[in-house]
């Protein structure tokens, strides 16, 4: 493990004096699990070096194209996309997309002239990271998962520093380059006061709250389990439910259930006010993406984790298992949802002592300063290059 050099930094002024001006290129895309840690790192660098010019690279048809500008950053696009597991026309286009994306990456790097490229995984990280290495631009990696994605594994040999969120990821990279920091979480994510959070959903403080999260696009398996067990759960100890279904599933769900029959249910396509949703919840049922796991740790939220089986290397199960081993969460395999979903929830939501125990375990895993640690170490590394 490389020793953290951030401890030797006495003030922001030390870093500010190191390099001026500083230009940072962030490469991340595909999912929030890649994009939001990149935004958190960018925010941290901006706090330490307000004169820094930060730009993102991503793809136009994925969530980063809208998310990144919302946080105040400019973004450039490249054409790259992932390979589908089944045969598609898009797979036939992949070699062409890769060549074009590498050329576009060279153009972005030559015109922006970054001092460093920080790759946080996803489609866009590959071409940009490879081109940066070929041009001699320092490359930094941030890996969110227990099992690293293929892009970061390929770029590992070219990277100067590699920041990981889980100990298990270390073995997939050159050990001398790796630092275990935890996942950067957006500083803008915070817990709303519980009373205010409950008011945001018109809930009572006298009954527990269950939060179902399917991710930004929703999760079909969780939605189907909720439809099957909604009556049973809604009638359980006056349980109050926030159910984030995803936009593409919402209309179909409304067609299958009569919302007016469930006064304690809040069915939402997407949750804009996550601080209130987390603040109101006693228990969260969610996928086990790295970003979600890190948010749960930092806010100390007990969870039932249902890993997606449709991810590379089954990394969500590995993420979940790390939290389960610490006593912070329970694991529910998707193929068991049909029979175990309601009972797993009922056994936890009514056990206040167990929820408190899990919350404390979650908090013990938290690394709320991950973004700042990463930002300081990157700035110190760049200072030492001069």
Protein backbone atom coordinates (compact mmCIF):
# COMPACT_ATOMS: atom_id res chain seq x y z
CA UNK A 1 0.00 0.00 0.00
CA UNK A 2 1.24 3.47 -0.67
CA UNK A 3 1.26 5.67 2.39
CA UNK A 4 -1.10 8.56 2.31
CA UNK A 5 0.71 11.80 1.81
CA UNK A 6 -2.27 13.90 2.74
CA UNK A 7 -1.24 13.85 6.41
CA UNK A 8 1.79 15.99 5.61
CA UNK A 9 -0.35 18.77 4.19
CA UNK A 10 -0.86 21.50 6.71
CA UNK A 11 -3.22 23.76 4.82
CA UNK A 12 -5.06 24.39 1.60
CA UNK A 13 -2.54 27.18 0.92
CA UNK A 14 0.23 24.58 0.62
CA UNK A 15 -1.66 22.87 -2.15
CA UNK A 16 -2.74 26.10 -3.82
CA UNK A 17 0.85 27.23 -4.11
CA UNK A 18 1.94 23.98 -5.71
CA UNK A 19 0.66 24.30 -9.27
CA UNK A 20 -1.02 27.17 -11.01
CA UNK A 21 -3.18 27.04 -12.92
CA UNK A 22 -4.41 23.44 -12.64
CA UNK A 23 -6.45 21.63 -15.28
CA UNK A 24 -8.18 18.36 -14.38
CA UNK A 25 -10.01 16.02 -16.73
CA UNK A 26 -12.51 13.62 -15.14
CA UNK A 27 -13.53 10.50 -17.10
CA UNK A 28 -16.58 8.60 -15.89
CA UNK A 29 -19.81 7.39 -17.33
CA UNK A 30 -22.55 4.87 -17.76
CA UNK A 31 -24.06 4.78 -14.27
CA UNK A 32 -24.32 6.93 -11.18
CA UNK A 33 -21.92 4.53 -9.47
CA UNK A 34 -19.16 5.88 -11.70
CA UNK A 35 -20.34 9.44 -12.22
CA UNK A 36 -21.20 10.58 -8.69
CA UNK A 37 -17.84 9.56 -7.14
CA UNK A 38 -16.17 11.51 -9.95
CA UNK A 39 -18.30 14.55 -9.12
CA UNK A 40 -17.41 14.16 -5.43
CA UNK A 41 -13.68 14.14 -6.27
CA UNK A 42 -14.09 17.14 -8.56
CA UNK A 43 -15.93 19.02 -5.82
CA UNK A 44 -13.16 18.23 -3.33
CA UNK A 45 -10.41 19.37 -5.70
CA UNK A 46 -12.38 22.54 -6.37
CA UNK A 47 -12.62 23.25 -2.64
CA UNK A 48 -8.86 22.81 -2.20
CA UNK A 49 -7.90 24.56 -5.41
CA UNK A 50 -10.64 27.04 -6.36
CA UNK A 51 -8.64 28.14 -9.41
CA UNK A 52 -8.79 24.64 -10.93
CA UNK A 53 -10.46 24.18 -14.30
CA UNK A 54 -12.30 20.86 -14.26
CA UNK A 55 -13.87 19.20 -17.26
CA UNK A 56 -15.63 15.86 -17.68
CA UNK A 57 -15.65 13.36 -20.52
CA UNK A 58 -18.62 11.03 -21.01
CA UNK A 59 -21.17 9.83 -23.54
CA UNK A 60 -24.25 11.65 -24.77
CA UNK A 61 -26.69 8.77 -24.31
CA UNK A 62 -25.94 7.95 -20.67
CA UNK A 63 -26.87 9.65 -17.43
CA UNK A 64 -23.65 11.69 -17.10
CA UNK A 65 -24.70 13.94 -19.98
CA UNK A 66 -27.45 15.45 -17.80
CA UNK A 67 -26.05 14.81 -14.32
CA UNK A 68 -22.65 16.47 -14.71
CA UNK A 69 -23.92 19.89 -15.92
CA UNK A 70 -26.39 19.94 -13.01
CA UNK A 71 -23.38 20.06 -10.71
CA UNK A 72 -21.84 22.94 -12.61
CA UNK A 73 -19.23 21.15 -14.74
CA UNK A 74 -18.67 21.17 -18.49
CA UNK A 75 -18.65 17.82 -20.27
CA UNK A 76 -17.29 16.64 -23.61
CA UNK A 77 -18.59 13.56 -25.37
CA UNK A 78 -16.95 10.60 -27.03
CA UNK A 79 -18.76 7.89 -28.99
CA UNK A 80 -17.83 4.81 -26.98
CA UNK A 81 -20.37 2.31 -25.62
CA UNK A 82 -20.23 -1.07 -23.92
CA UNK A 83 -20.49 -4.53 -25.38
CA UNK A 84 -23.82 -6.28 -24.94
CA UNK A 85 -23.77 -9.84 -23.63
CA UNK A 86 -26.01 -11.02 -26.44
CA UNK A 87 -25.46 -10.46 -30.15
CA UNK A 88 -26.65 -7.01 -31.28
CA UNK A 89 -25.98 -4.63 -34.14
CA UNK A 90 -24.38 -2.34 -31.58
CA UNK A 91 -21.71 -4.97 -30.91
CA UNK A 92 -20.79 -4.93 -34.60
CA UNK A 93 -20.23 -1.18 -34.32
CA UNK A 94 -18.01 -1.47 -31.24
CA UNK A 95 -14.63 -1.66 -33.06
CA UNK A 96 -15.49 1.46 -35.06
CA UNK A 97 -16.73 3.25 -31.95
CA UNK A 98 -13.53 2.37 -30.12
CA UNK A 99 -11.27 3.73 -32.88
CA UNK A 100 -13.32 6.92 -33.19
CA UNK A 101 -13.38 7.35 -29.40
CA UNK A 102 -9.60 7.06 -29.15
CA UNK A 103 -9.21 9.72 -31.84
CA UNK A 104 -11.73 11.93 -30.04
CA UNK A 105 -9.86 11.35 -26.78
CA UNK A 106 -6.58 12.50 -28.31
CA UNK A 107 -8.35 15.63 -29.55
CA UNK A 108 -9.85 16.38 -26.11
CA UNK A 109 -6.48 15.89 -24.41
CA UNK A 110 -4.58 17.98 -26.95
CA UNK A 111 -7.03 20.86 -26.76
CA UNK A 112 -7.75 20.89 -23.01
CA UNK A 113 -4.14 20.02 -21.99
CA UNK A 114 -4.95 18.58 -18.54
CA UNK A 115 -2.33 18.24 -15.83
CA UNK A 116 -3.96 14.98 -14.78
CA UNK A 117 -6.69 12.59 -15.93
CA UNK A 118 -8.82 10.98 -13.22
CA UNK A 119 -10.71 7.91 -14.46
CA UNK A 120 -13.56 6.60 -12.35
CA UNK A 121 -14.71 3.74 -14.56
CA UNK A 122 -17.38 3.32 -17.18
CA UNK A 123 -17.22 3.39 -20.97
CA UNK A 124 -15.57 6.80 -21.32
CA UNK A 125 -12.68 6.01 -18.99
CA UNK A 126 -11.09 3.46 -21.33
CA UNK A 127 -10.23 5.55 -24.41
CA UNK A 128 -9.40 8.67 -22.40
CA UNK A 129 -7.25 6.79 -19.89
CA UNK A 130 -5.37 4.89 -22.61
CA UNK A 131 -4.75 8.04 -24.66
CA UNK A 132 -3.58 9.93 -21.57
CA UNK A 133 -1.05 7.20 -20.80
CA UNK A 134 0.26 7.28 -24.37
CA UNK A 135 0.65 11.07 -24.19
CA UNK A 136 2.49 10.91 -20.86
CA UNK A 137 -0.30 12.63 -18.91
CA UNK A 138 -0.55 11.37 -15.32
CA UNK A 139 -3.45 8.93 -14.93
CA UNK A 140 -5.28 8.38 -11.62
CA UNK A 141 -7.88 5.64 -11.10
CA UNK A 142 -10.71 5.44 -8.61
CA UNK A 143 -12.38 2.04 -8.31
CA UNK A 144 -15.74 1.83 -6.54
CA UNK A 145 -16.36 -1.93 -6.40
CA UNK A 146 -14.97 -4.97 -4.63
CA UNK A 147 -14.40 -6.50 -8.05
CA UNK A 148 -12.98 -3.85 -10.40
CA UNK A 149 -14.57 -3.20 -13.77
CA UNK A 150 -12.75 -4.31 -16.90
CA UNK A 151 -11.86 -0.73 -17.87
CA UNK A 152 -10.03 0.03 -14.63
CA UNK A 153 -8.34 -3.38 -14.61
CA UNK A 154 -6.93 -2.68 -18.05
CA UNK A 155 -5.79 0.81 -17.09
CA UNK A 156 -4.21 -0.24 -13.78
CA UNK A 157 -0.73 -0.80 -15.22
CA UNK A 158 -0.72 2.73 -16.66
CA UNK A 159 -1.93 4.51 -13.52
CA UNK A 160 0.23 6.48 -11.14
CA UNK A 161 -2.19 6.15 -8.22
CA UNK A 162 -5.21 3.88 -7.68
CA UNK A 163 -7.82 4.61 -5.01
CA UNK A 164 -10.10 1.75 -3.97
CA UNK A 165 -13.24 1.50 -1.86
CA UNK A 166 -12.97 -2.15 -0.80
CA UNK A 167 -9.99 -4.17 0.39
CA UNK A 168 -10.89 -6.98 -2.03
CA UNK A 169 -10.11 -4.77 -5.01
CA UNK A 170 -6.43 -4.44 -4.11
CA UNK A 171 -5.40 -7.81 -5.53
CA UNK A 172 -6.50 -6.76 -9.03
CA UNK A 173 -4.01 -3.87 -9.23
CA UNK A 174 -0.27 -3.30 -8.72
CA UNK A 175 -0.17 -3.23 -4.92
CA UNK A 176 2.36 -0.40 -4.62
CA UNK A 177 -0.03 1.97 -6.42
CA UNK A 178 -3.12 1.25 -4.34
CA UNK A 179 -4.61 3.20 -1.47
CA UNK A 180 -7.78 2.10 0.32
CA UNK A 181 -9.85 5.26 0.84
CA UNK A 182 -13.48 4.25 0.59
CA UNK A 183 -15.83 5.64 -2.03
CA UNK A 184 -16.19 9.40 -2.46
CA UNK A 185 -19.72 10.49 -1.66
CA UNK A 186 -21.18 13.81 -2.74
CA UNK A 187 -20.86 16.37 0.03
CA UNK A 188 -24.33 17.60 -0.97
CA UNK A 189 -25.83 14.33 0.30
CA UNK A 190 -26.91 14.75 3.90
CA UNK A 191 -29.66 13.48 6.14
CA UNK A 192 -32.67 15.73 6.67
CA UNK A 193 -33.97 16.02 10.24
CA UNK A 194 -36.29 13.05 10.73
CA UNK A 195 -39.35 15.13 11.58
CA UNK A 196 -38.82 17.30 8.49
CA UNK A 197 -38.19 14.19 6.39
CA UNK A 198 -41.43 12.58 7.56
CA UNK A 199 -43.35 15.78 6.80
CA UNK A 200 -41.92 15.77 3.26
CA UNK A 201 -43.81 12.51 2.65
CA UNK A 202 -46.79 13.33 4.88
CA UNK A 203 -45.88 10.44 7.17
CA UNK A 204 -46.53 9.90 10.87
CA UNK A 205 -43.65 9.61 13.38
CA UNK A 206 -45.53 6.76 15.09
CA UNK A 207 -44.98 4.09 12.41
CA UNK A 208 -41.85 2.70 10.71
CA UNK A 209 -40.85 3.67 7.17
CA UNK A 210 -39.61 1.30 4.47
CA UNK A 211 -37.67 2.72 1.51
CA UNK A 212 -37.52 0.65 -1.70
CA UNK A 213 -34.85 1.84 -4.15
CA UNK A 214 -34.52 0.43 -7.64
CA UNK A 215 -31.83 2.84 -8.79
CA UNK A 216 -32.38 5.66 -11.26
CA UNK A 217 -33.92 3.31 -13.83
CA UNK A 218 -35.82 1.11 -11.39
CA UNK A 219 -35.42 -2.61 -10.76
CA UNK A 220 -37.96 -4.97 -12.32
CA UNK A 221 -37.39 -7.75 -9.78
CA UNK A 222 -37.93 -5.43 -6.79
CA UNK A 223 -41.02 -3.97 -8.42
CA UNK A 224 -42.53 -7.40 -9.00
CA UNK A 225 -41.84 -8.42 -5.41
CA UNK A 226 -43.46 -5.22 -4.16
CA UNK A 227 -46.57 -5.80 -6.27
CA UNK A 228 -46.88 -9.35 -4.94
CA UNK A 229 -46.41 -8.44 -1.27
CA UNK A 230 -47.80 -4.90 -1.15
CA UNK A 231 -50.98 -5.85 0.73
CA UNK A 232 -49.06 -7.85 3.29
CA UNK A 233 -46.48 -5.13 3.89
CA UNK A 234 -48.88 -2.20 3.85
CA UNK A 235 -50.99 -3.85 6.56
CA UNK A 236 -47.95 -4.59 8.73
CA UNK A 237 -47.80 -2.36 11.85
CA UNK A 238 -49.09 0.61 9.84
CA UNK A 239 -45.92 0.42 7.76
CA UNK A 240 -45.25 3.53 5.66
CA UNK A 241 -43.63 2.85 2.30
CA UNK A 242 -41.61 4.97 -0.15
CA UNK A 243 -41.32 2.97 -3.37
CA UNK A 244 -39.07 4.29 -6.12
CA UNK A 245 -40.11 2.31 -9.17
CA UNK A 246 -38.24 3.92 -12.09
CA UNK A 247 -39.92 5.91 -14.83
CA UNK A 248 -40.31 3.05 -17.29
CA UNK A 249 -42.15 0.86 -14.78
CA UNK A 250 -44.39 3.40 -13.04
CA UNK A 251 -47.35 3.40 -15.43
CA UNK A 252 -47.46 -0.39 -15.54
CA UNK A 253 -47.48 -0.56 -11.74
CA UNK A 254 -50.32 1.96 -11.51
CA UNK A 255 -52.29 -0.18 -13.93
CA UNK A 256 -51.86 -3.23 -11.70
CA UNK A 257 -52.57 -1.72 -8.28
CA UNK A 258 -55.12 0.81 -7.09
CA UNK A 259 -53.02 3.49 -5.37
CA UNK A 260 -55.99 4.87 -3.45
CA UNK A 261 -56.19 1.57 -1.53
CA UNK A 262 -52.77 2.24 0.03
CA UNK A 263 -52.77 5.53 1.99
CA UNK A 264 -49.35 4.77 3.50
CA UNK A 265 -47.71 4.23 0.11
CA UNK A 266 -45.71 6.83 -1.82
CA UNK A 267 -45.04 5.46 -5.32
CA UNK A 268 -42.42 7.59 -7.06
CA UNK A 269 -40.76 7.26 -10.45
CA UNK A 270 -37.61 9.01 -9.23
CA UNK A 271 -36.68 10.58 -5.89
CA UNK A 272 -35.16 14.03 -6.21
CA UNK A 273 -35.02 14.61 -2.46
CA UNK A 274 -32.86 11.68 -1.37
CA UNK A 275 -31.83 13.32 1.94
CA UNK A 276 -35.49 13.29 3.02
CA UNK A 277 -36.03 9.75 1.75
CA UNK A 278 -33.03 8.47 3.68
CA UNK A 279 -33.92 10.62 6.68
CA UNK A 280 -37.43 9.19 6.91
CA UNK A 281 -36.46 5.54 6.38
CA UNK A 282 -35.96 2.96 9.12
CA UNK A 283 -34.91 0.31 6.60
CA UNK A 284 -33.82 0.42 2.95
CA UNK A 285 -34.24 -2.34 0.39
CA UNK A 286 -31.95 -1.67 -2.56
CA UNK A 287 -29.47 -2.94 -5.11
CA UNK A 288 -25.84 -3.17 -4.02
CA UNK A 289 -24.10 -0.78 -6.38
CA UNK A 290 -20.92 0.70 -4.95
CA UNK A 291 -22.30 4.23 -4.78
CA UNK A 292 -25.42 3.12 -2.94
CA UNK A 293 -23.39 1.04 -0.48
CA UNK A 294 -21.13 4.01 0.24
CA UNK A 295 -24.10 6.29 0.84
CA UNK A 296 -25.60 3.76 3.22
CA UNK A 297 -22.32 3.57 5.14
CA UNK A 298 -21.93 7.31 5.43
CA UNK A 299 -25.47 7.86 6.69
CA UNK A 300 -25.60 4.70 8.82
CA UNK A 301 -28.69 3.28 7.12
CA UNK A 302 -29.63 -0.39 7.79
CA UNK A 303 -30.35 -2.23 4.54
CA UNK A 304 -31.48 -5.36 2.81
CA UNK A 305 -29.28 -5.65 -0.26
CA UNK A 306 -30.52 -7.38 -3.42
CA UNK A 307 -27.54 -7.53 -5.80
CA UNK A 308 -28.25 -7.28 -9.49
CA UNK A 309 -27.25 -10.53 -11.22
CA UNK A 310 -26.72 -8.66 -14.49
CA UNK A 311 -23.42 -6.96 -13.72
CA UNK A 312 -19.85 -7.83 -14.65
CA UNK A 313 -18.03 -10.13 -12.27
CA UNK A 314 -21.09 -10.30 -9.98
CA UNK A 315 -19.52 -7.30 -8.24
CA UNK A 316 -22.73 -6.24 -6.49
CA UNK A 317 -22.81 -9.50 -4.55
CA UNK A 318 -19.21 -8.91 -3.49
CA UNK A 319 -20.09 -5.35 -2.44
CA UNK A 320 -23.07 -6.59 -0.45
CA UNK A 321 -21.11 -9.37 1.22
CA UNK A 322 -18.64 -6.85 2.64
CA UNK A 323 -21.50 -5.08 4.43
CA UNK A 324 -23.17 -8.33 5.50
CA UNK A 325 -19.92 -9.61 7.01
CA UNK A 326 -19.75 -6.46 9.12
CA UNK A 327 -23.32 -6.94 10.38
CA UNK A 328 -24.52 -3.79 8.61
CA UNK A 329 -26.90 -5.37 6.09
CA UNK A 330 -28.71 -8.53 5.12
CA UNK A 331 -28.30 -10.20 1.73
CA UNK A 332 -31.31 -11.29 -0.32
CA UNK A 333 -30.57 -13.10 -3.57
CA UNK A 334 -32.83 -12.02 -6.44
CA UNK A 335 -33.89 -15.59 -7.26
CA UNK A 336 -35.23 -15.88 -3.70
CA UNK A 337 -37.28 -12.69 -3.79
CA UNK A 338 -40.48 -14.48 -4.64
CA UNK A 339 -40.53 -16.43 -1.39
CA UNK A 340 -38.35 -14.43 1.03
CA UNK A 341 -39.00 -10.76 0.27
CA UNK A 342 -41.79 -10.00 2.75
CA UNK A 343 -40.49 -12.18 5.59
CA UNK A 344 -37.01 -10.67 5.43
CA UNK A 345 -38.49 -7.17 5.66
CA UNK A 346 -40.94 -8.08 8.44
CA UNK A 347 -38.24 -9.71 10.57
CA UNK A 348 -36.14 -6.55 10.48
CA UNK A 349 -38.57 -3.63 10.38
CA UNK A 350 -40.16 -4.70 13.66
CA UNK A 351 -36.84 -5.35 15.44
CA UNK A 352 -35.74 -1.92 16.65
CA UNK A 353 -32.67 -3.22 18.50
CA UNK A 354 -31.44 -5.06 15.40
CA UNK A 355 -31.87 -1.95 13.24
CA UNK A 356 -29.85 0.13 15.70
CA UNK A 357 -27.13 -2.54 15.74
CA UNK A 358 -27.00 -2.57 11.93
CA UNK A 359 -26.92 1.22 11.79
CA UNK A 360 -23.93 1.35 14.11
CA UNK A 361 -22.17 -1.29 12.01
CA UNK A 362 -22.84 0.76 8.85
CA UNK A 363 -21.37 3.87 10.46
CA UNK A 364 -18.26 1.94 11.50
CA UNK A 365 -17.55 1.23 7.81
CA UNK A 366 -17.96 4.85 6.71
CA UNK A 367 -15.17 6.90 5.22
CA UNK A 368 -16.86 10.29 4.91
CA UNK A 369 -13.60 12.04 4.09
CA UNK A 370 -12.79 9.81 1.09
CA UNK A 371 -13.19 12.56 -1.50
CA UNK A 372 -10.98 14.97 0.44
CA UNK A 373 -8.29 12.33 1.03
CA UNK A 374 -8.23 11.45 -2.68
CA UNK A 375 -8.16 15.11 -3.74
CA UNK A 376 -5.30 15.97 -1.35
CA UNK A 377 -3.23 12.98 -2.42
CA UNK A 378 -3.71 13.82 -6.10
CA UNK A 379 -2.69 17.42 -5.56
CA UNK A 380 0.34 16.39 -3.53
CA UNK A 381 1.37 13.89 -6.21
CA UNK A 382 1.16 16.61 -8.85
CA UNK A 383 3.12 19.01 -6.67
CA UNK A 384 5.89 16.44 -6.30
CA UNK A 385 6.10 16.04 -10.09
CA UNK A 386 7.16 19.66 -10.47
